Amino acid sequence: MVIAVVLIVMSVSLAVVVYSAARGAVFQVAKGSEATAPKTNLEIIAFNPNSPSAGQAEIVLRNRGPNDIPVGDTSSWTVFINGSMVTVIDVFDAGGDGTFNVNEQLTIRVNVGTISSTSSQSIRVYGPGGSKAYAGWTPPG
């Protein structure tokens, strides 16, 4: 009876060790594949809170690399201003080829409703392929 209990405890311990090792290997493989495909860095280079008209804003981005990314359509981009998601209504690709190339600029127009052009704003932009940009904006003057 004692031998049976010892064997059961050893079997369970071995199963836990094998499970832990396999799980760790899977996470390392996933982590390694993520590291080999770096996400594209975006930079917010301009923000106009009332352009082209009241209730709309334009955000100008620069692709800092390392990869070109597809521009996609308005559903490919998510924008938050002061923590609130706003509706992307248009995306303007400076190159006009549907690809946001490294060092190229892209303009995103969003519906912001009422936004103050005299107070600071926090802007977050998320794009295709896990690309993202964060910036704070302070009105000139």
C-alpha atoms as a PDB file:
ATOM      1  CA  MET A   1       0.000   0.000   0.000  1.00  0.00           C
ATOM      2  CA  VAL A   2       2.806   2.431   0.876  1.00  0.00           C
ATOM      3  CA  ILE A   3       4.538   1.627  -2.404  1.00  0.00           C
ATOM      4  CA  ALA A   4       1.339   2.395  -4.330  1.00  0.00           C
ATOM      5  CA  VAL A   5       0.993   5.799  -2.645  1.00  0.00           C
ATOM      6  CA  VAL A   6       4.654   6.627  -3.355  1.00  0.00           C
ATOM      7  CA  LEU A   7       4.230   5.640  -7.005  1.00  0.00           C
ATOM      8  CA  ILE A   8       1.087   7.778  -7.328  1.00  0.00           C
ATOM      9  CA  VAL A   9       2.834  10.785  -5.766  1.00  0.00           C
ATOM     10  CA  MET A  10       5.842  10.310  -8.056  1.00  0.00           C
ATOM     11  CA  SER A  11       3.571   9.954 -11.119  1.00  0.00           C
ATOM     12  CA  VAL A  12       1.685  13.139 -10.280  1.00  0.00           C
ATOM     13  CA  SER A  13       4.966  14.996  -9.631  1.00  0.00           C
ATOM     14  CA  LEU A  14       6.382  13.811 -12.953  1.00  0.00           C
ATOM     15  CA  ALA A  15       3.196  14.871 -14.769  1.00  0.00           C
ATOM     16  CA  VAL A  16       3.401  18.355 -13.193  1.00  0.00           C
ATOM     17  CA  VAL A  17       7.069  18.693 -14.198  1.00  0.00           C
ATOM     18  CA  VAL A  18       6.363  17.601 -17.794  1.00  0.00           C
ATOM     19  CA  TYR A  19       3.339  19.907 -18.030  1.00  0.00           C
ATOM     20  CA  SER A  20       5.307  22.882 -16.669  1.00  0.00           C
ATOM     21  CA  ALA A  21       8.200  22.267 -19.055  1.00  0.00           C
ATOM     22  CA  ALA A  22       5.903  21.930 -22.068  1.00  0.00           C
ATOM     23  CA  ARG A  23       3.943  25.033 -21.106  1.00  0.00           C
ATOM     24  CA  GLY A  24       7.129  27.056 -20.667  1.00  0.00           C
ATOM     25  CA  ALA A  25       8.413  25.892 -24.055  1.00  0.00           C
ATOM     26  CA  VAL A  26       5.176  26.957 -25.767  1.00  0.00           C
ATOM     27  CA  PHE A  27       5.329  30.422 -24.165  1.00  0.00           C
ATOM     28  CA  GLN A  28       8.997  30.810 -25.141  1.00  0.00           C
ATOM     29  CA  VAL A  29       8.220  29.924 -28.762  1.00  0.00           C
ATOM     30  CA  ALA A  30       5.336  32.414 -28.830  1.00  0.00           C
ATOM     31  CA  LYS A  31       7.460  35.071 -27.168  1.00  0.00           C
ATOM     32  CA  GLY A  32      10.328  34.450 -29.600  1.00  0.00           C
ATOM     33  CA  SER A  33       8.090  34.773 -32.657  1.00  0.00           C
ATOM     34  CA  GLU A  34       6.767  38.077 -31.347  1.00  0.00           C
ATOM     35  CA  ALA A  35      10.305  39.329 -30.840  1.00  0.00           C
ATOM     36  CA  THR A  36      11.244  38.463 -34.431  1.00  0.00           C
ATOM     37  CA  ALA A  37       8.368  40.535 -35.832  1.00  0.00           C
ATOM     38  CA  PRO A  38       8.786  44.002 -34.305  1.00  0.00           C
ATOM     39  CA  LYS A  39       5.794  46.271 -34.258  1.00  0.00           C
ATOM     40  CA  THR A  40       5.891  49.427 -36.323  1.00  0.00           C
ATOM     41  CA  ASN A  41       6.473  52.663 -34.405  1.00  0.00           C
ATOM     42  CA  LEU A  42       4.198  55.574 -35.234  1.00  0.00           C
ATOM     43  CA  GLU A  43       4.737  59.182 -34.187  1.00  0.00           C
ATOM     44  CA  ILE A  44       2.054  61.850 -33.887  1.00  0.00           C
ATOM     45  CA  ILE A  45       3.636  64.905 -35.515  1.00  0.00           C
ATOM     46  CA  ALA A  46       0.618  67.222 -35.690  1.00  0.00           C
ATOM     47  CA  PHE A  47      -2.839  67.628 -34.220  1.00  0.00           C
ATOM     48  CA  ASN A  48      -5.429  70.172 -35.280  1.00  0.00           C
ATOM     49  CA  PRO A  49      -8.489  70.036 -32.989  1.00  0.00           C
ATOM     50  CA  ASN A  50     -10.865  71.962 -35.287  1.00  0.00           C
ATOM     51  CA  SER A  51      -9.846  70.967 -38.770  1.00  0.00           C
ATOM     52  CA  PRO A  52     -11.280  71.074 -41.363  1.00  0.00           C
ATOM     53  CA  SER A  53     -14.334  72.233 -39.430  1.00  0.00           C
ATOM     54  CA  ALA A  54     -15.722  72.372 -35.907  1.00  0.00           C
ATOM     55  CA  GLY A  55     -16.434  68.910 -34.558  1.00  0.00           C
ATOM     56  CA  GLN A  56     -13.612  67.316 -36.544  1.00  0.00           C
ATOM     57  CA  ALA A  57      -9.898  66.981 -35.863  1.00  0.00           C
ATOM     58  CA  GLU A  58      -6.909  65.927 -37.932  1.00  0.00           C
ATOM     59  CA  ILE A  59      -4.022  63.842 -36.648  1.00  0.00           C
ATOM     60  CA  VAL A  60      -0.855  63.587 -38.734  1.00  0.00           C
ATOM     61  CA  LEU A  61       1.293  60.506 -38.172  1.00  0.00           C
ATOM     62  CA  ARG A  62       4.793  59.536 -39.310  1.00  0.00           C
ATOM     63  CA  ASN A  63       5.792  55.902 -39.707  1.00  0.00           C
ATOM     64  CA  ARG A  64       9.078  55.539 -37.750  1.00  0.00           C
ATOM     65  CA  GLY A  65       9.547  51.934 -38.879  1.00  0.00           C
ATOM     66  CA  PRO A  66      10.845  49.360 -38.977  1.00  0.00           C
ATOM     67  CA  ASN A  67       8.052  48.148 -41.287  1.00  0.00           C
ATOM     68  CA  ASP A  68       5.700  49.495 -43.909  1.00  0.00           C
ATOM     69  CA  ILE A  69       2.073  48.809 -42.974  1.00  0.00           C
ATOM     70  CA  PRO A  70      -1.140  48.714 -45.021  1.00  0.00           C
ATOM     71  CA  VAL A  71      -3.226  51.879 -44.700  1.00  0.00           C
ATOM     72  CA  GLY A  72      -6.492  49.949 -44.816  1.00  0.00           C
ATOM     73  CA  ASP A  73      -9.693  51.892 -44.305  1.00  0.00           C
ATOM     74  CA  THR A  74     -11.230  53.775 -41.392  1.00  0.00           C
ATOM     75  CA  SER A  75     -11.957  50.499 -39.577  1.00  0.00           C
ATOM     76  CA  SER A  76      -8.220  49.738 -39.498  1.00  0.00           C
ATOM     77  CA  TRP A  77      -7.591  52.666 -37.138  1.00  0.00           C
ATOM     78  CA  THR A  78      -8.762  53.382 -33.592  1.00  0.00           C
ATOM     79  CA  VAL A  79      -8.303  56.790 -31.983  1.00  0.00           C
ATOM     80  CA  PHE A  80      -8.796  57.907 -28.386  1.00  0.00           C
ATOM     81  CA  ILE A  81      -8.779  61.562 -27.355  1.00  0.00           C
ATOM     82  CA  ASN A  82      -8.682  62.208 -23.619  1.00  0.00           C
ATOM     83  CA  GLY A  83      -9.489  58.536 -23.037  1.00  0.00           C
ATOM     84  CA  SER A  84     -12.651  58.538 -25.167  1.00  0.00           C
ATOM     85  CA  MET A  85     -12.828  56.646 -28.439  1.00  0.00           C
ATOM     86  CA  VAL A  86     -13.665  58.903 -31.386  1.00  0.00           C
ATOM     87  CA  THR A  87     -14.957  57.947 -34.829  1.00  0.00           C
ATOM     88  CA  VAL A  88     -12.394  57.801 -37.630  1.00  0.00           C
ATOM     89  CA  ILE A  89     -14.074  59.330 -40.680  1.00  0.00           C
ATOM     90  CA  ASP A  90     -11.217  59.429 -43.187  1.00  0.00           C
ATOM     91  CA  VAL A  91      -7.626  58.310 -43.735  1.00  0.00           C
ATOM     92  CA  PHE A  92      -5.350  60.145 -46.200  1.00  0.00           C
ATOM     93  CA  ASP A  93      -2.312  58.250 -47.453  1.00  0.00           C
ATOM     94  CA  ALA A  94       0.376  60.761 -48.508  1.00  0.00           C
ATOM     95  CA  GLY A  95       1.873  58.279 -50.967  1.00  0.00           C
ATOM     96  CA  GLY A  96      -1.525  57.342 -52.372  1.00  0.00           C
ATOM     97  CA  ASP A  97      -0.490  53.686 -52.804  1.00  0.00           C
ATOM     98  CA  GLY A  98      -2.369  52.158 -49.853  1.00  0.00           C
ATOM     99  CA  THR A  99       0.853  51.510 -47.956  1.00  0.00           C
ATOM    100  CA  PHE A 100       2.062  53.607 -45.012  1.00  0.00           C
ATOM    101  CA  ASN A 101       5.777  53.473 -45.795  1.00  0.00           C
ATOM    102  CA  VAL A 102       8.576  54.145 -43.322  1.00  0.00           C
ATOM    103  CA  ASN A 103       9.112  57.938 -42.944  1.00  0.00           C
ATOM    104  CA  GLU A 104       5.872  58.672 -44.800  1.00  0.00           C
ATOM    105  CA  GLN A 105       3.055  60.776 -43.341  1.00  0.00           C
ATOM    106  CA  LEU A 106      -0.575  59.774 -42.934  1.00  0.00           C
ATOM    107  CA  THR A 107      -3.473  62.022 -41.931  1.00  0.00           C
ATOM    108  CA  ILE A 108      -6.434  60.696 -39.988  1.00  0.00           C
ATOM    109  CA  ARG A 109      -9.603  62.763 -39.693  1.00  0.00           C
ATOM    110  CA  VAL A 110     -11.849  62.047 -36.717  1.00  0.00           C
ATOM    111  CA  ASN A 111     -15.227  63.189 -35.442  1.00  0.00           C
ATOM    112  CA  VAL A 112     -14.602  64.698 -32.010  1.00  0.00           C
ATOM    113  CA  GLY A 113     -17.882  66.450 -31.287  1.00  0.00           C
ATOM    114  CA  THR A 114     -17.086  69.267 -28.894  1.00  0.00           C
ATOM    115  CA  ILE A 115     -13.391  69.576 -28.088  1.00  0.00           C
ATOM    116  CA  SER A 116     -11.566  72.547 -26.681  1.00  0.00           C
ATOM    117  CA  SER A 117      -8.846  74.053 -28.827  1.00  0.00           C
ATOM    118  CA  THR A 118      -7.607  75.991 -25.804  1.00  0.00           C
ATOM    119  CA  SER A 119      -6.871  73.078 -23.446  1.00  0.00           C
ATOM    120  CA  SER A 120      -4.419  70.172 -23.568  1.00  0.00           C
ATOM    121  CA  GLN A 121      -5.434  66.893 -25.187  1.00  0.00           C
ATOM    122  CA  SER A 122      -4.190  63.312 -24.848  1.00  0.00           C
ATOM    123  CA  ILE A 123      -4.131  61.362 -28.128  1.00  0.00           C
ATOM    124  CA  ARG A 124      -3.730  57.616 -28.693  1.00  0.00           C
ATOM    125  CA  VAL A 125      -3.789  56.045 -32.144  1.00  0.00           C
ATOM    126  CA  TYR A 126      -3.836  52.302 -32.845  1.00  0.00           C
ATOM    127  CA  GLY A 127      -3.321  51.041 -36.387  1.00  0.00           C
ATOM    128  CA  PRO A 128      -2.805  47.878 -38.426  1.00  0.00           C
ATOM    129  CA  GLY A 129      -0.327  45.262 -37.284  1.00  0.00           C
ATOM    130  CA  GLY A 130      -0.243  46.411 -33.678  1.00  0.00           C
ATOM    131  CA  SER A 131       1.158  49.829 -34.578  1.00  0.00           C
ATOM    132  CA  LYS A 132       0.453  52.635 -32.109  1.00  0.00           C
ATOM    133  CA  ALA A 133       1.274  56.213 -31.199  1.00  0.00           C
ATOM    134  CA  TYR A 134       0.704  58.275 -28.076  1.00  0.00           C
ATOM    135  CA  ALA A 135       1.086  62.032 -27.623  1.00  0.00           C
ATOM    136  CA  GLY A 136      -0.017  64.939 -25.568  1.00  0.00           C
ATOM    137  CA  TRP A 137      -1.034  68.153 -27.314  1.00  0.00           C
ATOM    138  CA  THR A 138      -0.906  71.620 -25.835  1.00  0.00           C
ATOM    139  CA  PRO A 139      -2.422  74.581 -27.689  1.00  0.00           C
ATOM    140  CA  PRO A 140       0.076  77.122 -29.013  1.00  0.00           C
ATOM    141  CA  GLY A 141       0.475  80.415 -27.279  1.00  0.00           C
END
